[in-house]
Every structure is written in C-alpha cells, then in structure tokens.
Amino acid sequence: MGNLELYMQRTIDLATNGLGHVSPNPLVGCVIIHDNKIIGEGFHSKYGGNHAEVEAINSVKDTRLLGDSTLFVNLEPCSHFGKTPPCMDLILKSGIKKVVVANKDPNPKVAGKGLEKLKEAGVEVVMGILEMHGSYLNRRFFKVHQTQRPYIILKWAQTADGFMARENYDSKWISNEQSRLLVHQYRAEEDAIMVGRGTAHHDNPKLTVRNWVGANPLRVVLDPTIALATHLNIFDGSTATVCYNHEKNHQQKNVDWVKIPKQGFLPGVLEDLNKRAIQSLLVEGGAKLLRSMIQENFWDEARVFVAPTRFEKGIEAPKLTEMHQEERAISGDSLKIYYNQRNG
C-alpha cells in the first residue's frame, strides 16, 4: 500500500466513527499531511456539526504549514450551504494546494461542483484513491441518491437446520448473547428498523437500542388491516414509530399511522421512508416479510446468524441464491453476510 492509499485508509477509518450519528449526511473523514506526517485530522461526528475538513484544518497547530500540505478526504468537499458553510471555501482560504479524494459526491447539489471549483482555484486534485473502499463506506448515502430508496439490510437468526422459529412461532432464543448484543449495535447504526405484523404480534419486540450506546432507530411496522393490539411494545410511544397500513392516516403518542395503497405497498413504504430522509433500513421481520423483500428485490445486504441449535421442524428461514461474501464466528454462532449483486 502506497502513501496515498495509506492516508486515504486513515480518512476512511476516521469516517466510520460517524456511523449512526450523521445521517442523512455521508460518513466523511479527513487527514492533512505535511512532509509525510499527519499534522491534522478529523471526521464528521454528528448531523449539523462541523464537517470533517473543518475539524481537520482546525486541528492543525501550526497553520503556516497548510500552504505546503496535502488534504485527504474520502468524499468530495461540499460547495453549497447546508447546515454549515461550504468546506471548499475553508480549504481555499487555508492555502492548501493539493486535495486527494476517494469518491465524487452523488448528491446533485455537489456532484463534481466542489472539485471543479478547487481546480479553477489552482488546487491539484487527485481522484479515485481507494474508490471502492469509499463507496462501500458510504453505501447507504450512495444508494439513497442513486435509487431514491433506503439502503436495506435484512437480518435474521436461524438454526443449523434452517428454521427461524418453532411451529408455534417461538424463536427465543436461537442466537447467543453475543450475537444479540451485536444486533443492538446494528440498530444503533441504522436510521430505521422494520418488522411485519406477525413478528410484532408473536414476539412483541421493543425494537430499541439496549446494552449499547446509540440512538433508537425509527420503528416501522407493516400492519395492512390495522389488526395489531395497541398495547404492544411497538406502540408504547417511547420512540418515533410509523405504522404503514391500507386504512387510515392518524397520529397519536409518537406513533404515525400512514395509509399506503395495497397495490405497490412495499414500494410505497420505501418511498415514504425516503421522504422522511431515512437513509438505511434494518429489516428484522419474520419469514413472510423477509421473503417479500427478497422476491421484490428490495434488499442490498443480508446478515444471517446461524446457531448450532436444531429444531427439526418449524418456520423455515428464507433462502438466498447468492453466496455469502463474509463469515464471522461469534461465540459459537456463525454470522454470514450477503450482498445483493443484482443491486450493484
């Protein structure tokens, strides 16, 4: 790995610290190099806060070095006013003469404009360093701007013989404690979490973040005919919740009932989530919902926990035609991660 790749990898590592805190903004890290030494670095830590370039430039103790320094950033610097002023203006003001970037910003408000303004001002711009790594890091942000729907992660636990629950729908607990803790980390990293009516009824989940530091995702439940009992945990009003149905629009105690026509129900749900600036969706539904998402090709990633337990019979887990790309051992469980190749 050369120096360019080495420093870009550092920016990507820094950027990951913003996961679960900066959406709908992208994950961005920044490193400033002078004479092959890091003299400043930073990352975008929360939505509405300073961008990575601002944090990095402000961290440089001897600003006289900036005129002879190189700035590394994984995503094209912004050139428009949002919650904060354009980063590009500060870069130009600092006197930095070289900027190295992994990815162009897909946001139409940016989309190359920042790079062009840097070049017009005489700044040397190097593009495409660790481009694939940068695209993977911001796969949620890229998906929203490319398809106008959230990045969708399917998650389920299954036994070694391929069952999600017993015949009476009891599924507690298939995976082990460490796997369940990891699921709470996943919840803290994504914008929304979704289940179907069956899971809400049989499991009565809270769908909140526990035993992990992070914000609760938006809770989403699909209840087409509004058949769920309102005393269920998902309707407790403790955190923002949306119930998509065919019957009514209604708001009460932090719960928003949203009517979506039966025809095109799932696309309509995803369209509404996009309007709510939901960048990523974790689907923890039962077999029926998960199969629907797979059949309609509404998924980008699947995280499947496989436990050594065997049920012999019960509710079968969905089956994916893709081969898993990653596998991790978690205290006796196996976590298999799939990426939907059809969705690029």
Protein backbone atom coordinates (compact mmCIF):
# COMPACT_ATOMS: atom_id res chain seq x y z
CA MET A 1 0.00 0.00 0.00
CA GLY A 2 1.48 3.33 -1.10
CA ASN A 3 1.33 6.56 0.87
CA LEU A 4 -1.74 7.85 -0.94
CA GLU A 5 -3.67 4.67 -0.12
CA LEU A 6 -2.31 4.60 3.43
CA TYR A 7 -3.51 8.11 4.23
CA MET A 8 -6.83 7.56 2.48
CA GLN A 9 -7.39 4.43 4.54
CA ARG A 10 -6.87 6.59 7.63
CA THR A 11 -9.58 9.00 6.46
CA ILE A 12 -11.98 6.08 5.92
CA ASP A 13 -11.18 4.68 9.36
CA LEU A 14 -11.91 8.09 10.89
CA ALA A 15 -15.14 8.45 8.91
CA THR A 16 -16.61 5.25 10.36
CA ASN A 17 -16.79 6.96 13.76
CA GLY A 18 -19.81 8.91 12.49
CA LEU A 19 -21.92 5.81 11.77
CA GLY A 20 -25.31 6.18 13.42
CA HIS A 21 -24.81 9.89 14.14
CA VAL A 22 -24.55 11.85 10.86
CA SER A 23 -27.40 10.60 8.65
CA PRO A 24 -28.71 11.86 6.29
CA ASN A 25 -25.21 13.25 5.72
CA PRO A 26 -22.46 10.94 4.47
CA LEU A 27 -19.61 9.46 6.51
CA VAL A 28 -16.53 11.62 5.99
CA GLY A 29 -13.03 11.65 7.43
CA CYS A 30 -10.15 13.98 6.65
CA VAL A 31 -6.38 13.86 7.13
CA ILE A 32 -3.84 16.63 6.45
CA ILE A 33 -0.29 15.61 5.58
CA HIS A 34 2.89 17.72 5.68
CA ASP A 35 6.28 16.22 4.87
CA ASN A 36 4.81 12.70 5.16
CA LYS A 37 3.46 13.35 8.65
CA ILE A 38 -0.12 13.78 9.83
CA ILE A 39 -0.49 17.32 11.18
CA GLY A 40 -4.28 17.39 11.36
CA GLU A 41 -7.28 15.07 11.15
CA GLY A 42 -10.96 14.96 11.89
CA PHE A 43 -14.30 13.42 11.00
CA HIS A 44 -17.95 14.44 10.73
CA SER A 45 -19.25 13.36 14.14
CA LYS A 46 -22.89 14.47 14.17
CA TYR A 47 -25.55 15.85 11.85
CA GLY A 48 -25.45 19.63 11.94
CA GLY A 49 -21.91 19.64 13.35
CA ASN A 50 -18.62 20.57 11.69
CA HIS A 51 -17.69 18.63 8.60
CA ALA A 52 -14.51 16.55 8.55
CA GLU A 53 -12.46 19.11 6.61
CA VAL A 54 -13.26 21.83 9.14
CA GLU A 55 -12.33 19.58 12.05
CA ALA A 56 -9.05 18.59 10.39
CA ILE A 57 -7.99 22.12 9.41
CA ASN A 58 -8.91 23.46 12.86
CA SER A 59 -6.79 20.73 14.50
CA VAL A 60 -3.56 21.88 12.80
CA LYS A 61 -1.42 23.62 15.41
CA ASP A 62 0.95 25.44 13.01
CA THR A 63 -1.28 26.81 10.26
CA ARG A 64 1.77 28.11 8.36
CA LEU A 65 2.30 24.51 7.21
CA LEU A 66 -1.03 24.32 5.41
CA GLY A 67 0.23 26.03 2.26
CA ASP A 68 2.63 23.14 1.72
CA SER A 69 0.29 20.34 2.84
CA THR A 70 -1.99 17.77 1.22
CA LEU A 71 -5.57 17.21 2.34
CA PHE A 72 -7.05 13.71 2.10
CA VAL A 73 -10.84 13.32 2.23
CA ASN A 74 -12.92 10.29 1.26
CA LEU A 75 -15.77 12.29 -0.29
CA GLU A 76 -15.70 15.37 -2.50
CA PRO A 77 -15.76 18.56 -0.37
CA CYS A 78 -19.14 20.29 -0.37
CA SER A 79 -19.57 23.52 -2.31
CA HIS A 80 -23.03 24.53 -1.09
CA PHE A 81 -24.56 25.92 2.09
CA GLY A 82 -26.39 23.31 4.16
CA LYS A 83 -26.39 23.15 7.94
CA THR A 84 -22.83 24.54 7.72
CA PRO A 85 -20.88 26.70 5.21
CA PRO A 86 -19.15 25.04 2.20
CA CYS A 87 -16.00 23.15 3.16
CA MET A 88 -14.43 24.11 -0.14
CA ASP A 89 -14.26 27.78 0.93
CA LEU A 90 -12.26 26.92 4.05
CA ILE A 91 -9.89 24.69 2.06
CA LEU A 92 -9.17 27.54 -0.36
CA LYS A 93 -8.77 30.02 2.48
CA SER A 94 -6.30 27.71 4.25
CA GLY A 95 -3.93 27.78 1.27
CA ILE A 96 -3.82 24.00 0.79
CA LYS A 97 -2.66 23.31 -2.75
CA LYS A 98 -3.38 19.58 -3.13
CA VAL A 99 -6.52 17.58 -2.33
CA VAL A 100 -6.82 13.78 -2.63
CA VAL A 101 -10.34 12.32 -2.87
CA ALA A 102 -11.77 8.79 -2.94
CA ASN A 103 -15.29 9.47 -4.31
CA LYS A 104 -17.26 12.12 -6.12
CA ASP A 105 -20.39 13.15 -4.21
CA PRO A 106 -23.58 11.73 -5.83
CA ASN A 107 -25.70 14.50 -4.27
CA PRO A 108 -26.90 16.72 -7.16
CA LYS A 109 -26.14 19.78 -5.01
CA VAL A 110 -22.45 18.80 -5.12
CA ALA A 111 -21.84 16.25 -7.91
CA GLY A 112 -18.44 17.47 -9.06
CA LYS A 113 -19.01 21.17 -8.46
CA GLY A 114 -16.66 21.23 -5.49
CA LEU A 115 -13.88 19.52 -7.42
CA GLU A 116 -14.23 21.91 -10.35
CA LYS A 117 -14.03 24.97 -8.09
CA LEU A 118 -10.89 23.60 -6.45
CA LYS A 119 -9.28 23.06 -9.84
CA GLU A 120 -10.33 26.51 -11.04
CA ALA A 121 -8.60 27.98 -7.98
CA GLY A 122 -5.36 26.20 -8.88
CA VAL A 123 -5.62 23.34 -6.38
CA GLU A 124 -4.26 20.00 -7.61
CA VAL A 125 -7.00 17.35 -7.28
CA VAL A 126 -6.26 13.61 -7.27
CA MET A 127 -9.34 11.40 -7.60
CA GLY A 128 -10.21 7.75 -7.12
CA ILE A 129 -7.81 6.71 -4.35
CA LEU A 130 -9.41 3.68 -2.62
CA GLU A 131 -12.58 4.47 -4.55
CA MET A 132 -14.20 1.07 -3.90
CA HIS A 133 -13.46 1.30 -0.17
CA GLY A 134 -15.04 4.75 -0.09
CA SER A 135 -18.12 3.55 -1.99
CA TYR A 136 -18.59 0.70 0.47
CA LEU A 137 -18.21 3.03 3.45
CA ASN A 138 -20.95 5.32 2.11
CA ARG A 139 -23.10 2.62 0.53
CA ARG A 140 -26.16 3.93 2.39
CA PHE A 141 -25.65 7.52 1.19
CA PHE A 142 -24.91 6.42 -2.37
CA LYS A 143 -27.95 4.11 -2.51
CA VAL A 144 -30.37 6.88 -1.49
CA HIS A 145 -29.07 9.30 -4.11
CA GLN A 146 -28.88 6.68 -6.85
CA THR A 147 -32.24 4.95 -6.29
CA GLN A 148 -34.31 7.28 -4.04
CA ARG A 149 -34.85 4.49 -1.52
CA PRO A 150 -33.02 3.50 1.68
CA TYR A 151 -30.17 1.01 1.79
CA ILE A 152 -31.89 -2.17 3.02
CA ILE A 153 -30.27 -4.66 5.37
CA LEU A 154 -32.11 -7.92 6.05
CA LYS A 155 -31.33 -9.61 9.36
CA TRP A 156 -32.47 -12.89 10.81
CA ALA A 157 -31.31 -15.76 13.02
CA GLN A 158 -31.78 -19.37 12.04
CA THR A 159 -30.95 -22.82 13.35
CA ALA A 160 -28.33 -25.07 11.80
CA ASP A 161 -31.14 -26.94 10.02
CA GLY A 162 -32.65 -23.75 8.56
CA PHE A 163 -35.55 -22.73 10.81
CA MET A 164 -36.35 -19.24 12.14
CA ALA A 165 -38.90 -20.35 14.74
CA ARG A 166 -40.79 -23.36 16.03
CA GLU A 167 -44.21 -24.22 14.63
CA ASN A 168 -45.84 -22.11 17.37
CA TYR A 169 -43.70 -19.13 16.16
CA ASP A 170 -41.49 -19.25 19.29
CA SER A 171 -37.97 -18.10 18.33
CA LYS A 172 -36.43 -17.15 21.69
CA TRP A 173 -33.59 -17.51 21.68
CA ILE A 174 -31.93 -19.01 18.61
CA SER A 175 -28.75 -16.93 18.60
CA ASN A 176 -26.45 -16.48 21.59
CA GLU A 177 -25.98 -13.46 23.85
CA GLN A 178 -23.02 -12.06 21.89
CA SER A 179 -24.98 -12.23 18.63
CA ARG A 180 -27.93 -10.46 20.24
CA LEU A 181 -25.64 -7.73 21.56
CA LEU A 182 -24.29 -7.23 18.02
CA VAL A 183 -27.88 -6.79 16.79
CA HIS A 184 -28.30 -3.86 19.20
CA GLN A 185 -25.14 -2.31 17.73
CA TYR A 186 -26.67 -2.75 14.28
CA ARG A 187 -29.84 -0.99 15.43
CA ALA A 188 -27.81 1.97 16.67
CA GLU A 189 -26.08 2.25 13.28
CA GLU A 190 -29.17 2.41 11.05
CA ASP A 191 -31.91 5.02 10.61
CA ALA A 192 -34.94 2.74 10.79
CA ILE A 193 -35.92 -0.80 11.77
CA MET A 194 -38.86 -2.68 10.28
CA VAL A 195 -40.99 -5.70 11.19
CA GLY A 196 -44.20 -7.15 9.86
CA ARG A 197 -47.46 -7.77 11.68
CA GLY A 198 -46.59 -11.37 12.54
CA THR A 199 -43.35 -10.50 14.32
CA ALA A 200 -44.95 -7.59 16.18
CA HIS A 201 -47.76 -9.90 17.37
CA HIS A 202 -45.84 -13.08 18.24
CA ASP A 203 -42.58 -11.58 19.58
CA ASN A 204 -43.85 -8.21 20.90
CA PRO A 205 -40.40 -6.63 20.28
CA LYS A 206 -39.40 -3.18 21.54
CA LEU A 207 -37.06 -2.58 18.55
CA THR A 208 -34.98 -0.17 20.63
CA VAL A 209 -31.25 0.04 21.34
CA ARG A 210 -30.33 -1.61 24.64
CA ASN A 211 -26.96 -2.60 26.12
CA TRP A 212 -25.32 -0.38 23.52
CA VAL A 213 -24.71 3.36 23.21
CA GLY A 214 -26.68 4.93 20.40
CA ALA A 215 -29.98 6.46 19.32
CA ASN A 216 -33.08 4.39 18.73
CA PRO A 217 -33.90 3.94 15.04
CA LEU A 218 -37.30 4.92 13.68
CA ARG A 219 -39.55 1.92 14.36
CA VAL A 220 -41.54 0.73 11.35
CA VAL A 221 -44.30 -1.88 11.40
CA LEU A 222 -46.37 -3.13 8.47
CA ASP A 223 -49.96 -3.74 9.57
CA PRO A 224 -52.12 -3.53 6.42
CA THR A 225 -55.53 -4.00 8.07
CA ILE A 226 -54.61 -2.41 11.44
CA ALA A 227 -55.10 -5.71 13.26
CA LEU A 228 -52.36 -5.29 15.89
CA ALA A 229 -53.29 -4.63 19.51
CA THR A 230 -52.31 -1.12 20.60
CA HIS A 231 -50.89 -2.36 23.92
CA LEU A 232 -47.91 -3.94 22.11
CA ASN A 233 -44.44 -2.55 22.85
CA ILE A 234 -44.09 -1.07 19.39
CA PHE A 235 -46.98 1.33 20.13
CA ASP A 236 -45.73 2.40 23.58
CA GLY A 237 -44.78 5.89 22.34
CA SER A 238 -41.27 5.62 23.78
CA THR A 239 -39.67 6.40 20.43
CA ALA A 240 -40.85 7.53 16.99
CA THR A 241 -42.84 4.83 15.21
CA VAL A 242 -44.59 4.55 11.83
CA CYS A 243 -47.32 2.01 11.14
CA TYR A 244 -47.95 1.53 7.41
CA ASN A 245 -51.44 0.29 6.54
CA HIS A 246 -54.23 0.36 3.93
CA GLU A 247 -56.82 2.01 6.17
CA LYS A 248 -56.00 5.42 7.64
CA ASN A 249 -53.67 8.34 8.32
CA HIS A 250 -53.52 9.12 12.02
CA GLN A 251 -51.09 10.40 14.67
CA GLN A 252 -51.05 9.61 18.37
CA LYS A 253 -48.41 9.40 21.13
CA ASN A 254 -45.30 9.43 18.92
CA VAL A 255 -46.91 6.92 16.53
CA ASP A 256 -47.74 7.84 12.96
CA TRP A 257 -50.22 5.66 11.04
CA VAL A 258 -49.65 6.14 7.31
CA LYS A 259 -52.02 4.88 4.63
CA ILE A 260 -50.40 3.22 1.62
CA PRO A 261 -52.48 1.61 -1.19
CA LYS A 262 -52.49 -2.19 -1.36
CA GLN A 263 -51.20 -2.05 -4.92
CA GLY A 264 -47.48 -1.27 -4.69
CA PHE A 265 -47.47 -1.41 -0.89
CA LEU A 266 -43.76 -2.11 -0.32
CA PRO A 267 -42.56 0.42 -2.92
CA GLY A 268 -44.92 2.95 -1.34
CA VAL A 269 -43.44 2.29 2.11
CA LEU A 270 -39.91 2.78 0.82
CA GLU A 271 -40.94 5.96 -1.00
CA ASP A 272 -42.37 7.40 2.21
CA LEU A 273 -39.26 6.45 4.20
CA ASN A 274 -37.15 8.21 1.59
CA LYS A 275 -39.28 11.35 2.04
CA ARG A 276 -38.52 11.11 5.77
CA ALA A 277 -34.76 11.19 4.95
CA ILE A 278 -34.32 7.59 6.07
CA GLN A 279 -31.02 6.50 4.57
CA SER A 280 -30.87 2.93 5.85
CA LEU A 281 -33.43 0.34 6.91
CA LEU A 282 -32.78 -2.75 9.03
CA VAL A 283 -35.46 -5.38 8.40
CA GLU A 284 -35.90 -7.73 11.38
CA GLY A 285 -39.16 -9.16 10.17
CA GLY A 286 -40.39 -12.73 10.11
CA ALA A 287 -40.06 -15.16 7.24
CA LYS A 288 -43.05 -13.77 5.30
CA LEU A 289 -41.78 -10.16 5.23
CA LEU A 290 -38.20 -11.19 4.53
CA ARG A 291 -39.29 -13.36 1.60
CA SER A 292 -41.36 -10.48 0.20
CA MET A 293 -38.35 -8.16 0.35
CA ILE A 294 -36.19 -10.77 -1.40
CA GLN A 295 -38.82 -11.56 -4.06
CA GLU A 296 -39.28 -7.88 -4.91
CA ASN A 297 -35.51 -7.38 -4.85
CA PHE A 298 -35.77 -4.78 -2.10
CA TRP A 299 -32.56 -5.66 -0.30
CA ASP A 300 -28.90 -4.75 -0.52
CA GLU A 301 -27.31 -6.70 2.32
CA ALA A 302 -28.33 -9.67 4.47
CA ARG A 303 -26.87 -10.56 7.86
CA VAL A 304 -27.78 -14.11 8.84
CA PHE A 305 -26.92 -15.51 12.25
CA VAL A 306 -26.67 -19.32 12.16
CA ALA A 307 -26.78 -21.06 15.56
CA PRO A 308 -25.76 -24.69 16.23
CA THR A 309 -29.28 -25.35 17.59
CA ARG A 310 -31.55 -27.69 15.59
CA PHE A 311 -35.39 -27.58 15.58
CA GLU A 312 -36.04 -30.47 13.14
CA LYS A 313 -39.28 -28.71 12.09
CA GLY A 314 -40.81 -25.23 12.28
CA ILE A 315 -40.93 -21.97 10.31
CA GLU A 316 -38.35 -22.16 7.53
CA ALA A 317 -35.85 -19.33 7.09
CA PRO A 318 -35.65 -17.54 3.72
CA LYS A 319 -33.12 -18.83 1.23
CA LEU A 320 -30.80 -16.60 -0.78
CA THR A 321 -29.45 -17.63 -4.17
CA GLU A 322 -26.31 -15.53 -3.63
CA MET A 323 -23.24 -16.99 -1.95
CA HIS A 324 -22.25 -15.24 1.28
CA GLN A 325 -19.24 -12.94 0.91
CA GLU A 326 -18.23 -12.77 4.57
CA GLU A 327 -18.43 -15.12 7.53
CA ARG A 328 -17.57 -14.45 11.16
CA ALA A 329 -17.57 -16.67 14.24
CA ILE A 330 -19.44 -15.20 17.23
CA SER A 331 -19.06 -17.33 20.36
CA GLY A 332 -20.36 -20.48 18.65
CA ASP A 333 -22.74 -18.77 16.23
CA SER A 334 -21.81 -18.03 12.62
CA LEU A 335 -22.65 -14.68 11.02
CA LYS A 336 -22.96 -14.89 7.25
CA ILE A 337 -23.13 -11.63 5.30
CA TYR A 338 -24.55 -11.47 1.79
CA TYR A 339 -24.52 -8.57 -0.70
CA ASN A 340 -27.13 -8.36 -3.43
CA GLN A 341 -25.10 -8.42 -6.65
CA ARG A 342 -28.21 -7.56 -8.71
CA ASN A 343 -28.35 -4.19 -6.98
CA GLY A 344 -24.73 -3.33 -7.72
